[in-house]
Amino acid sequence: MSYHVKQSVLADASIAAQVDWYQEDESRGGEVLAKRWFEQLHAALAGLAEEPSRHRLAPENGKWLPQHQIRQVRFRPWKSGVGWRVLYTIDEAAKTVIVLQVRHAHRRFLHESAEENVG
């Protein structure tokens, strides 16, 4: 069964910030790279519509937004490099996947960062 995938305000903000960062860096591809990253991200998010529970629990599970079971899917748009983590929760009753945050894999876990520990 297919799920509807939607993004939280926090996820929208983190995605917009990443796109802006790429757009501003002409030495690394600028607008072209931003568009490519965005398209690859949305392909990964579309993949969450089928069997979202197959992905593992995130390190934040039970520590950040403890009312939700938080899962993660790793997103690597480039062949080299570390990539990003897409944090999400599943609303089984509504058959909806809610993307909570998109974070570079080198960033601290949300429960370790006081200034970001907002839900």
PDB file of N, CA and C in Angstrom:
ATOM      1  N   MET A   1       0.841  -1.188   0.000  1.00  0.00           N
ATOM      2  CA  MET A   1       0.000   0.000   0.000  1.00  0.00           C
ATOM      3  C   MET A   1       0.877   1.239   0.000  1.00  0.00           C
ATOM      4  N   SER A   2       0.488   2.213  -0.744  1.00  0.00           N
ATOM      5  CA  SER A   2       1.252   3.443  -0.883  1.00  0.00           C
ATOM      6  C   SER A   2       0.862   4.455   0.195  1.00  0.00           C
ATOM      7  N   TYR A   3       1.866   5.166   0.679  1.00  0.00           N
ATOM      8  CA  TYR A   3       1.678   6.216   1.673  1.00  0.00           C
ATOM      9  C   TYR A   3       1.812   7.576   1.009  1.00  0.00           C
ATOM     10  N   HIS A   4       1.168   8.567   1.583  1.00  0.00           N
ATOM     11  CA  HIS A   4       1.336   9.950   1.161  1.00  0.00           C
ATOM     12  C   HIS A   4       2.555  10.479   1.908  1.00  0.00           C
ATOM     13  N   VAL A   5       3.442  11.193   1.234  1.00  0.00           N
ATOM     14  CA  VAL A   5       4.637  11.763   1.873  1.00  0.00           C
ATOM     15  C   VAL A   5       4.464  13.272   1.940  1.00  0.00           C
ATOM     16  N   LYS A   6       4.597  13.807   3.157  1.00  0.00           N
ATOM     17  CA  LYS A   6       4.542  15.268   3.310  1.00  0.00           C
ATOM     18  C   LYS A   6       5.699  15.720   4.174  1.00  0.00           C
ATOM     19  N   GLN A   7       6.038  16.986   4.072  1.00  0.00           N
ATOM     20  CA  GLN A   7       7.172  17.544   4.786  1.00  0.00           C
ATOM     21  C   GLN A   7       6.705  18.509   5.861  1.00  0.00           C
ATOM     22  N   SER A   8       7.383  18.471   7.003  1.00  0.00           N
ATOM     23  CA  SER A   8       7.102  19.417   8.075  1.00  0.00           C
ATOM     24  C   SER A   8       7.698  20.778   7.712  1.00  0.00           C
ATOM     25  N   VAL A   9       7.331  21.786   8.457  1.00  0.00           N
ATOM     26  CA  VAL A   9       7.893  23.122   8.267  1.00  0.00           C
ATOM     27  C   VAL A   9       9.400  23.086   8.490  1.00  0.00           C
ATOM     28  N   LEU A  10       9.844  22.329   9.484  1.00  0.00           N
ATOM     29  CA  LEU A  10      11.267  22.198   9.772  1.00  0.00           C
ATOM     30  C   LEU A  10      12.005  21.538   8.611  1.00  0.00           C
ATOM     31  N   ALA A  11      11.418  20.513   8.020  1.00  0.00           N
ATOM     32  CA  ALA A  11      12.032  19.854   6.862  1.00  0.00           C
ATOM     33  C   ALA A  11      12.099  20.816   5.683  1.00  0.00           C
ATOM     34  N   ASP A  12      11.007  21.550   5.438  1.00  0.00           N
ATOM     35  CA  ASP A  12      11.007  22.534   4.347  1.00  0.00           C
ATOM     36  C   ASP A  12      12.138  23.542   4.528  1.00  0.00           C
ATOM     37  N   ALA A  13      12.331  23.996   5.757  1.00  0.00           N
ATOM     38  CA  ALA A  13      13.375  24.988   6.042  1.00  0.00           C
ATOM     39  C   ALA A  13      14.769  24.400   5.826  1.00  0.00           C
ATOM     40  N   SER A  14      14.989  23.169   6.258  1.00  0.00           N
ATOM     41  CA  SER A  14      16.317  22.571   6.088  1.00  0.00           C
ATOM     42  C   SER A  14      16.616  22.299   4.620  1.00  0.00           C
ATOM     43  N   ILE A  15      15.609  21.918   3.854  1.00  0.00           N
ATOM     44  CA  ILE A  15      15.784  21.684   2.416  1.00  0.00           C
ATOM     45  C   ILE A  15      16.075  23.002   1.708  1.00  0.00           C
ATOM     46  N   ALA A  16      15.320  24.036   2.027  1.00  0.00           N
ATOM     47  CA  ALA A  16      15.538  25.351   1.412  1.00  0.00           C
ATOM     48  C   ALA A  16      16.933  25.887   1.733  1.00  0.00           C
ATOM     49  N   ALA A  17      17.385  25.689   2.965  1.00  0.00           N
ATOM     50  CA  ALA A  17      18.716  26.151   3.358  1.00  0.00           C
ATOM     51  C   ALA A  17      19.809  25.427   2.561  1.00  0.00           C
ATOM     52  N   GLN A  18      19.632  24.136   2.347  1.00  0.00           N
ATOM     53  CA  GLN A  18      20.624  23.384   1.585  1.00  0.00           C
ATOM     54  C   GLN A  18      20.638  23.806   0.120  1.00  0.00           C
ATOM     55  N   VAL A  19      19.464  24.003  -0.460  1.00  0.00           N
ATOM     56  CA  VAL A  19      19.380  24.464  -1.852  1.00  0.00           C
ATOM     57  C   VAL A  19      20.034  25.842  -1.975  1.00  0.00           C
ATOM     58  N   ASP A  20      19.755  26.745  -1.043  1.00  0.00           N
ATOM     59  CA  ASP A  20      20.362  28.082  -1.063  1.00  0.00           C
ATOM     60  C   ASP A  20      21.880  27.989  -0.993  1.00  0.00           C
ATOM     61  N   TRP A  21      22.378  27.105  -0.135  1.00  0.00           N
ATOM     62  CA  TRP A  21      23.822  26.942   0.034  1.00  0.00           C
ATOM     63  C   TRP A  21      24.465  26.522  -1.279  1.00  0.00           C
ATOM     64  N   TYR A  22      23.873  25.558  -1.958  1.00  0.00           N
ATOM     65  CA  TYR A  22      24.403  25.122  -3.250  1.00  0.00           C
ATOM     66  C   TYR A  22      24.310  26.240  -4.289  1.00  0.00           C
ATOM     67  N   GLN A  23      23.188  26.935  -4.328  1.00  0.00           N
ATOM     68  CA  GLN A  23      23.011  27.998  -5.315  1.00  0.00           C
ATOM     69  C   GLN A  23      24.049  29.101  -5.158  1.00  0.00           C
ATOM     70  N   GLU A  24      24.422  29.404  -3.929  1.00  0.00           N
ATOM     71  CA  GLU A  24      25.367  30.480  -3.658  1.00  0.00           C
ATOM     72  C   GLU A  24      26.811  30.094  -3.957  1.00  0.00           C
ATOM     73  N   ASP A  25      27.096  28.812  -4.119  1.00  0.00           N
ATOM     74  CA  ASP A  25      28.469  28.339  -4.330  1.00  0.00           C
ATOM     75  C   ASP A  25      28.698  28.008  -5.808  1.00  0.00           C
ATOM     76  N   GLU A  26      28.935  29.039  -6.597  1.00  0.00           N
ATOM     77  CA  GLU A  26      29.147  28.858  -8.040  1.00  0.00           C
ATOM     78  C   GLU A  26      30.368  27.989  -8.325  1.00  0.00           C
ATOM     79  N   SER A  27      31.364  28.012  -7.453  1.00  0.00           N
ATOM     80  CA  SER A  27      32.577  27.220  -7.689  1.00  0.00           C
ATOM     81  C   SER A  27      32.294  25.717  -7.651  1.00  0.00           C
ATOM     82  N   ARG A  28      31.194  25.325  -7.035  1.00  0.00           N
ATOM     83  CA  ARG A  28      30.849  23.900  -6.948  1.00  0.00           C
ATOM     84  C   ARG A  28      29.637  23.544  -7.795  1.00  0.00           C
ATOM     85  N   GLY A  29      29.192  24.432  -8.637  1.00  0.00           N
ATOM     86  CA  GLY A  29      28.089  24.088  -9.524  1.00  0.00           C
ATOM     87  C   GLY A  29      26.888  24.988  -9.419  1.00  0.00           C
ATOM     88  N   GLY A  30      26.773  25.729  -8.338  1.00  0.00           N
ATOM     89  CA  GLY A  30      25.707  26.700  -8.174  1.00  0.00           C
ATOM     90  C   GLY A  30      24.314  26.160  -8.441  1.00  0.00           C
ATOM     91  N   GLU A  31      23.596  26.855  -9.307  1.00  0.00           N
ATOM     92  CA  GLU A  31      22.196  26.535  -9.615  1.00  0.00           C
ATOM     93  C   GLU A  31      22.024  25.115 -10.138  1.00  0.00           C
ATOM     94  N   VAL A  32      22.951  24.665 -10.977  1.00  0.00           N
ATOM     95  CA  VAL A  32      22.861  23.316 -11.559  1.00  0.00           C
ATOM     96  C   VAL A  32      22.960  22.257 -10.460  1.00  0.00           C
ATOM     97  N   LEU A  33      23.923  22.432  -9.559  1.00  0.00           N
ATOM     98  CA  LEU A  33      24.090  21.469  -8.472  1.00  0.00           C
ATOM     99  C   LEU A  33      22.905  21.510  -7.513  1.00  0.00           C
ATOM    100  N   ALA A  34      22.390  22.698  -7.231  1.00  0.00           N
ATOM    101  CA  ALA A  34      21.226  22.832  -6.346  1.00  0.00           C
ATOM    102  C   ALA A  34      20.028  22.087  -6.928  1.00  0.00           C
ATOM    103  N   LYS A  35      19.812  22.257  -8.208  1.00  0.00           N
ATOM    104  CA  LYS A  35      18.688  21.582  -8.868  1.00  0.00           C
ATOM    105  C   LYS A  35      18.873  20.065  -8.840  1.00  0.00           C
ATOM    106  N   ARG A  36      20.084  19.614  -9.107  1.00  0.00           N
ATOM    107  CA  ARG A  36      20.363  18.171  -9.093  1.00  0.00           C
ATOM    108  C   ARG A  36      20.142  17.578  -7.703  1.00  0.00           C
ATOM    109  N   TRP A  37      20.645  18.276  -6.668  1.00  0.00           N
ATOM    110  CA  TRP A  37      20.469  17.800  -5.293  1.00  0.00           C
ATOM    111  C   TRP A  37      18.986  17.715  -4.953  1.00  0.00           C
ATOM    112  N   PHE A  38      18.234  18.752  -5.302  1.00  0.00           N
ATOM    113  CA  PHE A  38      16.806  18.817  -5.005  1.00  0.00           C
ATOM    114  C   PHE A  38      16.048  17.682  -5.704  1.00  0.00           C
ATOM    115  N   GLU A  39      16.357  17.440  -6.964  1.00  0.00           N
ATOM    116  CA  GLU A  39      15.698  16.357  -7.702  1.00  0.00           C
ATOM    117  C   GLU A  39      16.025  14.991  -7.114  1.00  0.00           C
ATOM    118  N   GLN A  40      17.279  14.787  -6.744  1.00  0.00           N
ATOM    119  CA  GLN A  40      17.687  13.515  -6.132  1.00  0.00           C
ATOM    120  C   GLN A  40      16.998  13.322  -4.779  1.00  0.00           C
ATOM    121  N   LEU A  41      16.888  14.403  -4.007  1.00  0.00           N
ATOM    122  CA  LEU A  41      16.202  14.319  -2.721  1.00  0.00           C
ATOM    123  C   LEU A  41      14.752  13.906  -2.924  1.00  0.00           C
ATOM    124  N   HIS A  42      14.072  14.531  -3.871  1.00  0.00           N
ATOM    125  CA  HIS A  42      12.662  14.212  -4.074  1.00  0.00           C
ATOM    126  C   HIS A  42      12.455  12.801  -4.606  1.00  0.00           C
ATOM    127  N   ALA A  43      13.419  12.282  -5.326  1.00  0.00           N
ATOM    128  CA  ALA A  43      13.349  10.879  -5.742  1.00  0.00           C
ATOM    129  C   ALA A  43      13.454   9.978  -4.513  1.00  0.00           C
ATOM    130  N   ALA A  44      14.349  10.336  -3.588  1.00  0.00           N
ATOM    131  CA  ALA A  44      14.495   9.556  -2.349  1.00  0.00           C
ATOM    132  C   ALA A  44      13.230   9.648  -1.501  1.00  0.00           C
ATOM    133  N   LEU A  45      12.641  10.835  -1.419  1.00  0.00           N
ATOM    134  CA  LEU A  45      11.413  11.004  -0.630  1.00  0.00           C
ATOM    135  C   LEU A  45      10.262  10.218  -1.246  1.00  0.00           C
ATOM    136  N   ALA A  46      10.194  10.191  -2.563  1.00  0.00           N
ATOM    137  CA  ALA A  46       9.145   9.415  -3.236  1.00  0.00           C
ATOM    138  C   ALA A  46       9.279   7.941  -2.898  1.00  0.00           C
ATOM    139  N   GLY A  47      10.503   7.482  -2.709  1.00  0.00           N
ATOM    140  CA  GLY A  47      10.733   6.087  -2.337  1.00  0.00           C
ATOM    141  C   GLY A  47      10.173   5.731  -0.969  1.00  0.00           C
ATOM    142  N   LEU A  48       9.952   6.725  -0.115  1.00  0.00           N
ATOM    143  CA  LEU A  48       9.374   6.468   1.201  1.00  0.00           C
ATOM    144  C   LEU A  48       7.901   6.088   1.135  1.00  0.00           C
ATOM    145  N   ALA A  49       7.272   6.337   0.004  1.00  0.00           N
ATOM    146  CA  ALA A  49       5.842   6.052  -0.131  1.00  0.00           C
ATOM    147  C   ALA A  49       5.549   4.551  -0.091  1.00  0.00           C
ATOM    148  N   GLU A  50       6.526   3.744  -0.430  1.00  0.00           N
ATOM    149  CA  GLU A  50       6.357   2.287  -0.405  1.00  0.00           C
ATOM    150  C   GLU A  50       7.140   1.707   0.762  1.00  0.00           C
ATOM    151  N   GLU A  51       6.487   1.058   1.663  1.00  0.00           N
ATOM    152  CA  GLU A  51       7.095   0.387   2.815  1.00  0.00           C
ATOM    153  C   GLU A  51       8.056   1.270   3.616  1.00  0.00           C
ATOM    154  N   PRO A  52       7.597   2.378   4.150  1.00  0.00           N
ATOM    155  CA  PRO A  52       8.487   3.260   4.908  1.00  0.00           C
ATOM    156  C   PRO A  52       9.032   2.609   6.183  1.00  0.00           C
ATOM    157  N   SER A  53       8.372   1.599   6.680  1.00  0.00           N
ATOM    158  CA  SER A  53       8.844   0.958   7.918  1.00  0.00           C
ATOM    159  C   SER A  53      10.059   0.066   7.687  1.00  0.00           C
ATOM    160  N   ARG A  54      10.480  -0.114   6.447  1.00  0.00           N
ATOM    161  CA  ARG A  54      11.646  -0.966   6.170  1.00  0.00           C
ATOM    162  C   ARG A  54      12.959  -0.306   6.594  1.00  0.00           C
ATOM    163  N   HIS A  55      12.939   1.015   6.788  1.00  0.00           N
ATOM    164  CA  HIS A  55      14.150   1.728   7.188  1.00  0.00           C
ATOM    165  C   HIS A  55      14.298   1.705   8.708  1.00  0.00           C
ATOM    166  N   ARG A  56      15.529   1.761   9.141  1.00  0.00           N
ATOM    167  CA  ARG A  56      15.830   1.628  10.573  1.00  0.00           C
ATOM    168  C   ARG A  56      15.448   2.859  11.389  1.00  0.00           C
ATOM    169  N   LEU A  57      15.374   2.634  12.681  1.00  0.00           N
ATOM    170  CA  LEU A  57      15.103   3.738  13.605  1.00  0.00           C
ATOM    171  C   LEU A  57      16.316   4.660  13.639  1.00  0.00           C
ATOM    172  N   ALA A  58      16.048   5.943  13.779  1.00  0.00           N
ATOM    173  CA  ALA A  58      17.107   6.946  13.841  1.00  0.00           C
ATOM    174  C   ALA A  58      17.689   7.000  15.247  1.00  0.00           C
ATOM    175  N   PRO A  59      18.937   7.441  15.392  1.00  0.00           N
ATOM    176  CA  PRO A  59      19.518   7.616  16.731  1.00  0.00           C
ATOM    177  C   PRO A  59      18.697   8.569  17.601  1.00  0.00           C
ATOM    178  N   GLU A  60      17.950   9.478  16.988  1.00  0.00           N
ATOM    179  CA  GLU A  60      17.106  10.422  17.726  1.00  0.00           C
ATOM    180  C   GLU A  60      15.856   9.768  18.298  1.00  0.00           C
ATOM    181  N   ASN A  61      15.509   8.579  17.841  1.00  0.00           N
ATOM    182  CA  ASN A  61      14.272   7.938  18.285  1.00  0.00           C
ATOM    183  C   ASN A  61      14.238   7.816  19.813  1.00  0.00           C
ATOM    184  N   GLY A  62      13.166   8.303  20.403  1.00  0.00           N
ATOM    185  CA  GLY A  62      12.991   8.265  21.850  1.00  0.00           C
ATOM    186  C   GLY A  62      13.677   9.396  22.590  1.00  0.00           C
ATOM    187  N   LYS A  63      14.478  10.194  21.885  1.00  0.00           N
ATOM    188  CA  LYS A  63      15.230  11.275  22.524  1.00  0.00           C
ATOM    189  C   LYS A  63      14.843  12.651  22.000  1.00  0.00           C
ATOM    190  N   TRP A  64      14.391  12.716  20.777  1.00  0.00           N
ATOM    191  CA  TRP A  64      13.934  13.960  20.153  1.00  0.00           C
ATOM    192  C   TRP A  64      12.518  13.685  19.669  1.00  0.00           C
ATOM    193  N   LEU A  65      11.581  14.524  20.023  1.00  0.00           N
ATOM    194  CA  LEU A  65      10.165  14.290  19.739  1.00  0.00           C
ATOM    195  C   LEU A  65       9.763  12.882  20.191  1.00  0.00           C
ATOM    196  N   PRO A  66       9.892  12.610  21.485  1.00  0.00           N
ATOM    197  CA  PRO A  66       9.668  11.243  21.983  1.00  0.00           C
ATOM    198  C   PRO A  66       8.265  10.691  21.753  1.00  0.00           C
ATOM    199  N   GLN A  67       7.308  11.536  21.405  1.00  0.00           N
ATOM    200  CA  GLN A  67       5.953  11.056  21.129  1.00  0.00           C
ATOM    201  C   GLN A  67       5.870  10.345  19.780  1.00  0.00           C
ATOM    202  N   HIS A  68       6.935  10.444  18.964  1.00  0.00           N
ATOM    203  CA  HIS A  68       6.954   9.836  17.644  1.00  0.00           C
ATOM    204  C   HIS A  68       8.037   8.764  17.545  1.00  0.00           C
ATOM    205  N   GLN A  69       7.781   7.755  16.734  1.00  0.00           N
ATOM    206  CA  GLN A  69       8.827   6.802  16.382  1.00  0.00           C
ATOM    207  C   GLN A  69       9.539   7.411  15.172  1.00  0.00           C
ATOM    208  N   ILE A  70      10.811   7.731  15.340  1.00  0.00           N
ATOM    209  CA  ILE A  70      11.550   8.419  14.289  1.00  0.00           C
ATOM    210  C   ILE A  70      12.454   7.434  13.555  1.00  0.00           C
ATOM    211  N   ARG A  71      12.295   7.384  12.259  1.00  0.00           N
ATOM    212  CA  ARG A  71      13.098   6.532  11.392  1.00  0.00           C
ATOM    213  C   ARG A  71      13.977   7.427  10.515  1.00  0.00           C
ATOM    214  N   GLN A  72      14.939   6.782   9.875  1.00  0.00           N
ATOM    215  CA  GLN A  72      15.796   7.529   8.973  1.00  0.00           C
ATOM    216  C   GLN A  72      16.073   6.733   7.712  1.00  0.00           C
ATOM    217  N   VAL A  73      16.267   7.463   6.651  1.00  0.00           N
ATOM    218  CA  VAL A  73      16.751   6.885   5.410  1.00  0.00           C
ATOM    219  C   VAL A  73      17.953   7.731   5.008  1.00  0.00           C
ATOM    220  N   ARG A  74      18.996   7.067   4.606  1.00  0.00           N
ATOM    221  CA  ARG A  74      20.189   7.793   4.150  1.00  0.00           C
ATOM    222  C   ARG A  74      20.030   8.156   2.690  1.00  0.00           C
ATOM    223  N   PHE A  75      20.418   9.363   2.380  1.00  0.00           N
ATOM    224  CA  PHE A  75      20.278   9.915   1.046  1.00  0.00           C
ATOM    225  C   PHE A  75      21.658  10.349   0.568  1.00  0.00           C
ATOM    226  N   ARG A  76      22.170   9.695  -0.464  1.00  0.00           N
ATOM    227  CA  ARG A  76      23.486  10.041  -1.029  1.00  0.00           C
ATOM    228  C   ARG A  76      23.309  10.398  -2.498  1.00  0.00           C
ATOM    229  N   PRO A  77      23.223  11.677  -2.819  1.00  0.00           N
ATOM    230  CA  PRO A  77      22.998  12.074  -4.206  1.00  0.00           C
ATOM    231  C   PRO A  77      24.236  11.957  -5.092  1.00  0.00           C
ATOM    232  N   TRP A  78      25.406  11.890  -4.495  1.00  0.00           N
ATOM    233  CA  TRP A  78      26.646  11.820  -5.262  1.00  0.00           C
ATOM    234  C   TRP A  78      27.308  10.469  -5.008  1.00  0.00           C
ATOM    235  N   LYS A  79      28.130  10.038  -5.933  1.00  0.00           N
ATOM    236  CA  LYS A  79      28.831   8.754  -5.770  1.00  0.00           C
ATOM    237  C   LYS A  79      29.833   8.829  -4.633  1.00  0.00           C
ATOM    238  N   SER A  80      30.446   9.975  -4.451  1.00  0.00           N
ATOM    239  CA  SER A  80      31.375  10.142  -3.340  1.00  0.00           C
ATOM    240  C   SER A  80      30.734  11.042  -2.295  1.00  0.00           C
ATOM    241  N   GLY A  81      31.230  11.010  -1.129  1.00  0.00           N
ATOM    242  CA  GLY A  81      30.705  11.876  -0.080  1.00  0.00           C
ATOM    243  C   GLY A  81      29.832  11.125   0.902  1.00  0.00           C
ATOM    244  N   VAL A  82      29.538  11.797   1.971  1.00  0.00           N
ATOM    245  CA  VAL A  82      28.820  11.190   3.081  1.00  0.00           C
ATOM    246  C   VAL A  82      27.319  11.153   2.859  1.00  0.00           C
ATOM    247  N   GLY A  83      26.725  12.257   2.484  1.00  0.00           N
ATOM    248  CA  GLY A  83      25.293  12.294   2.245  1.00  0.00           C
ATOM    249  C   GLY A  83      24.499  12.937   3.372  1.00  0.00           C
ATOM    250  N   TRP A  84      23.214  12.641   3.385  1.00  0.00           N
ATOM    251  CA  TRP A  84      22.264  13.236   4.326  1.00  0.00           C
ATOM    252  C   TRP A  84      21.415  12.137   4.957  1.00  0.00           C
ATOM    253  N   ARG A  85      20.787  12.518   6.070  1.00  0.00           N
ATOM    254  CA  ARG A  85      19.821  11.633   6.716  1.00  0.00           C
ATOM    255  C   ARG A  85      18.455  12.303   6.630  1.00  0.00           C
ATOM    256  N   VAL A  86      17.481  11.566   6.171  1.00  0.00           N
ATOM    257  CA  VAL A  86      16.108  12.048   6.132  1.00  0.00           C
ATOM    258  C   VAL A  86      15.406  11.425   7.336  1.00  0.00           C
ATOM    259  N   LEU A  87      15.004  12.253   8.287  1.00  0.00           N
ATOM    260  CA  LEU A  87      14.316  11.780   9.487  1.00  0.00           C
ATOM    261  C   LEU A  87      12.816  11.901   9.266  1.00  0.00           C
ATOM    262  N   TYR A  88      12.101  10.856   9.591  1.00  0.00           N
ATOM    263  CA  TYR A  88      10.662  10.863   9.339  1.00  0.00           C
ATOM    264  C   TYR A  88       9.927  10.000  10.349  1.00  0.00           C
ATOM    265  N   THR A  89       8.628  10.186  10.396  1.00  0.00           N
ATOM    266  CA  THR A  89       7.748   9.375  11.214  1.00  0.00           C
ATOM    267  C   THR A  89       6.596   8.906  10.331  1.00  0.00           C
ATOM    268  N   ILE A  90       5.936   7.859  10.780  1.00  0.00           N
ATOM    269  CA  ILE A  90       4.843   7.278   9.996  1.00  0.00           C
ATOM    270  C   ILE A  90       3.544   7.394  10.773  1.00  0.00           C
ATOM    271  N   ASP A  91       2.538   7.934  10.128  1.00  0.00           N
ATOM    272  CA  ASP A  91       1.181   7.974  10.688  1.00  0.00           C
ATOM    273  C   ASP A  91       0.405   6.864   9.979  1.00  0.00           C
ATOM    274  N   GLU A  92       0.335   5.696  10.618  1.00  0.00           N
ATOM    275  CA  GLU A  92      -0.316   4.534   9.991  1.00  0.00           C
ATOM    276  C   GLU A  92      -1.797   4.780   9.735  1.00  0.00           C
ATOM    277  N   ALA A  93      -2.469   5.451  10.665  1.00  0.00           N
ATOM    278  CA  ALA A  93      -3.906   5.688  10.513  1.00  0.00           C
ATOM    279  C   ALA A  93      -4.209   6.518   9.271  1.00  0.00           C
ATOM    280  N   ALA A  94      -3.358   7.502   8.997  1.00  0.00           N
ATOM    281  CA  ALA A  94      -3.563   8.377   7.842  1.00  0.00           C
ATOM    282  C   ALA A  94      -2.790   7.897   6.610  1.00  0.00           C
ATOM    283  N   LYS A  95      -2.015   6.817   6.763  1.00  0.00           N
ATOM    284  CA  LYS A  95      -1.159   6.308   5.681  1.00  0.00           C
ATOM    285  C   LYS A  95      -0.289   7.436   5.123  1.00  0.00           C
ATOM    286  N   THR A  96       0.377   8.138   6.065  1.00  0.00           N
ATOM    287  CA  THR A  96       1.198   9.290   5.723  1.00  0.00           C
ATOM    288  C   THR A  96       2.585   9.159   6.334  1.00  0.00           C
ATOM    289  N   VAL A  97       3.590   9.503   5.559  1.00  0.00           N
ATOM    290  CA  VAL A  97       4.966   9.623   6.031  1.00  0.00           C
ATOM    291  C   VAL A  97       5.229  11.111   6.194  1.00  0.00           C
ATOM    292  N   ILE A  98       5.664  11.503   7.378  1.00  0.00           N
ATOM    293  CA  ILE A  98       5.936  12.913   7.641  1.00  0.00           C
ATOM    294  C   ILE A  98       7.444  13.086   7.765  1.00  0.00           C
ATOM    295  N   VAL A  99       8.027  13.795   6.814  1.00  0.00           N
ATOM    296  CA  VAL A  99       9.459  14.087   6.847  1.00  0.00           C
ATOM    297  C   VAL A  99       9.660  15.200   7.858  1.00  0.00           C
ATOM    298  N   LEU A 100      10.447  14.911   8.889  1.00  0.00           N
ATOM    299  CA  LEU A 100      10.656  15.865   9.980  1.00  0.00           C
ATOM    300  C   LEU A 100      11.856  16.773   9.753  1.00  0.00           C
ATOM    301  N   GLN A 101      12.904  16.213   9.139  1.00  0.00           N
ATOM    302  CA  GLN A 101      14.154  16.954   9.014  1.00  0.00           C
ATOM    303  C   GLN A 101      15.025  16.277   7.965  1.00  0.00           C
ATOM    304  N   VAL A 102      15.826  17.059   7.270  1.00  0.00           N
ATOM    305  CA  VAL A 102      16.846  16.552   6.352  1.00  0.00           C
ATOM    306  C   VAL A 102      18.155  17.147   6.843  1.00  0.00           C
ATOM    307  N   ARG A 103      19.089  16.267   7.227  1.00  0.00           N
ATOM    308  CA  ARG A 103      20.336  16.716   7.861  1.00  0.00           C
ATOM    309  C   ARG A 103      21.546  16.096   7.203  1.00  0.00           C
ATOM    310  N   HIS A 104      22.587  16.895   7.059  1.00  0.00           N
ATOM    311  CA  HIS A 104      23.848  16.346   6.572  1.00  0.00           C
ATOM    312  C   HIS A 104      24.322  15.305   7.588  1.00  0.00           C
ATOM    313  N   ALA A 105      24.863  14.230   7.102  1.00  0.00           N
ATOM    314  CA  ALA A 105      25.252  13.121   7.987  1.00  0.00           C
ATOM    315  C   ALA A 105      26.351  13.490   8.975  1.00  0.00           C
ATOM    316  N   HIS A 106      27.119  14.533   8.712  1.00  0.00           N
ATOM    317  CA  HIS A 106      28.158  14.942   9.654  1.00  0.00           C
ATOM    318  C   HIS A 106      27.650  15.827  10.782  1.00  0.00           C
ATOM    319  N   ARG A 107      26.408  16.261  10.691  1.00  0.00           N
ATOM    320  CA  ARG A 107      25.860  17.101  11.771  1.00  0.00           C
ATOM    321  C   ARG A 107      25.509  16.240  12.976  1.00  0.00           C
ATOM    322  N   ARG A 108      25.534  16.861  14.136  1.00  0.00           N
ATOM    323  CA  ARG A 108      25.177  16.154  15.374  1.00  0.00           C
ATOM    324  C   ARG A 108      23.747  15.638  15.301  1.00  0.00           C
ATOM    325  N   PHE A 109      23.487  14.609  16.093  1.00  0.00           N
ATOM    326  CA  PHE A 109      22.113  14.128  16.217  1.00  0.00           C
ATOM    327  C   PHE A 109      21.309  15.226  16.913  1.00  0.00           C
ATOM    328  N   LEU A 110      20.036  15.319  16.599  1.00  0.00           N
ATOM    329  CA  LEU A 110      19.204  16.403  17.121  1.00  0.00           C
ATOM    330  C   LEU A 110      19.142  16.430  18.648  1.00  0.00           C
ATOM    331  N   HIS A 111      19.148  15.292  19.299  1.00  0.00           N
ATOM    332  CA  HIS A 111      19.072  15.280  20.758  1.00  0.00           C
ATOM    333  C   HIS A 111      20.395  15.694  21.397  1.00  0.00           C
ATOM    334  N   GLU A 112      21.464  15.829  20.617  1.00  0.00           N
ATOM    335  CA  GLU A 112      22.769  16.251  21.141  1.00  0.00           C
ATOM    336  C   GLU A 112      23.004  17.750  20.966  1.00  0.00           C
ATOM    337  N   SER A 113      22.116  18.410  20.248  1.00  0.00           N
ATOM    338  CA  SER A 113      22.322  19.810  19.911  1.00  0.00           C
ATOM    339  C   SER A 113      21.203  20.650  20.528  1.00  0.00           C
ATOM    340  N   ALA A 114      21.497  21.310  21.636  1.00  0.00           N
ATOM    341  CA  ALA A 114      20.493  22.064  22.387  1.00  0.00           C
ATOM    342  C   ALA A 114      19.820  23.140  21.555  1.00  0.00           C
ATOM    343  N   GLU A 115      20.600  23.850  20.712  1.00  0.00           N
ATOM    344  CA  GLU A 115      20.007  24.953  19.940  1.00  0.00           C
ATOM    345  C   GLU A 115      19.047  24.452  18.861  1.00  0.00           C
ATOM    346  N   GLU A 116      19.139  23.178  18.498  1.00  0.00           N
ATOM    347  CA  GLU A 116      18.249  22.632  17.478  1.00  0.00           C
ATOM    348  C   GLU A 116      17.178  21.718  18.066  1.00  0.00           C
ATOM    349  N   ASN A 117      17.180  21.560  19.348  1.00  0.00           N
ATOM    350  CA  ASN A 117      16.282  20.611  19.992  1.00  0.00           C
ATOM    351  C   ASN A 117      14.887  21.205  20.134  1.00  0.00           C
ATOM    352  N   VAL A 118      14.329  21.551  18.992  1.00  0.00           N
ATOM    353  CA  VAL A 118      12.993  22.142  18.941  1.00  0.00           C
ATOM    354  C   VAL A 118      12.126  21.246  18.071  1.00  0.00           C
ATOM    355  N   GLY A 119      10.937  20.969  18.495  1.00  0.00           N
ATOM    356  CA  GLY A 119      10.094  20.099  17.690  1.00  0.00           C
ATOM    357  C   GLY A 119       8.871  20.750  17.332  1.00  0.00           C
TER     358      GLY A 119
END
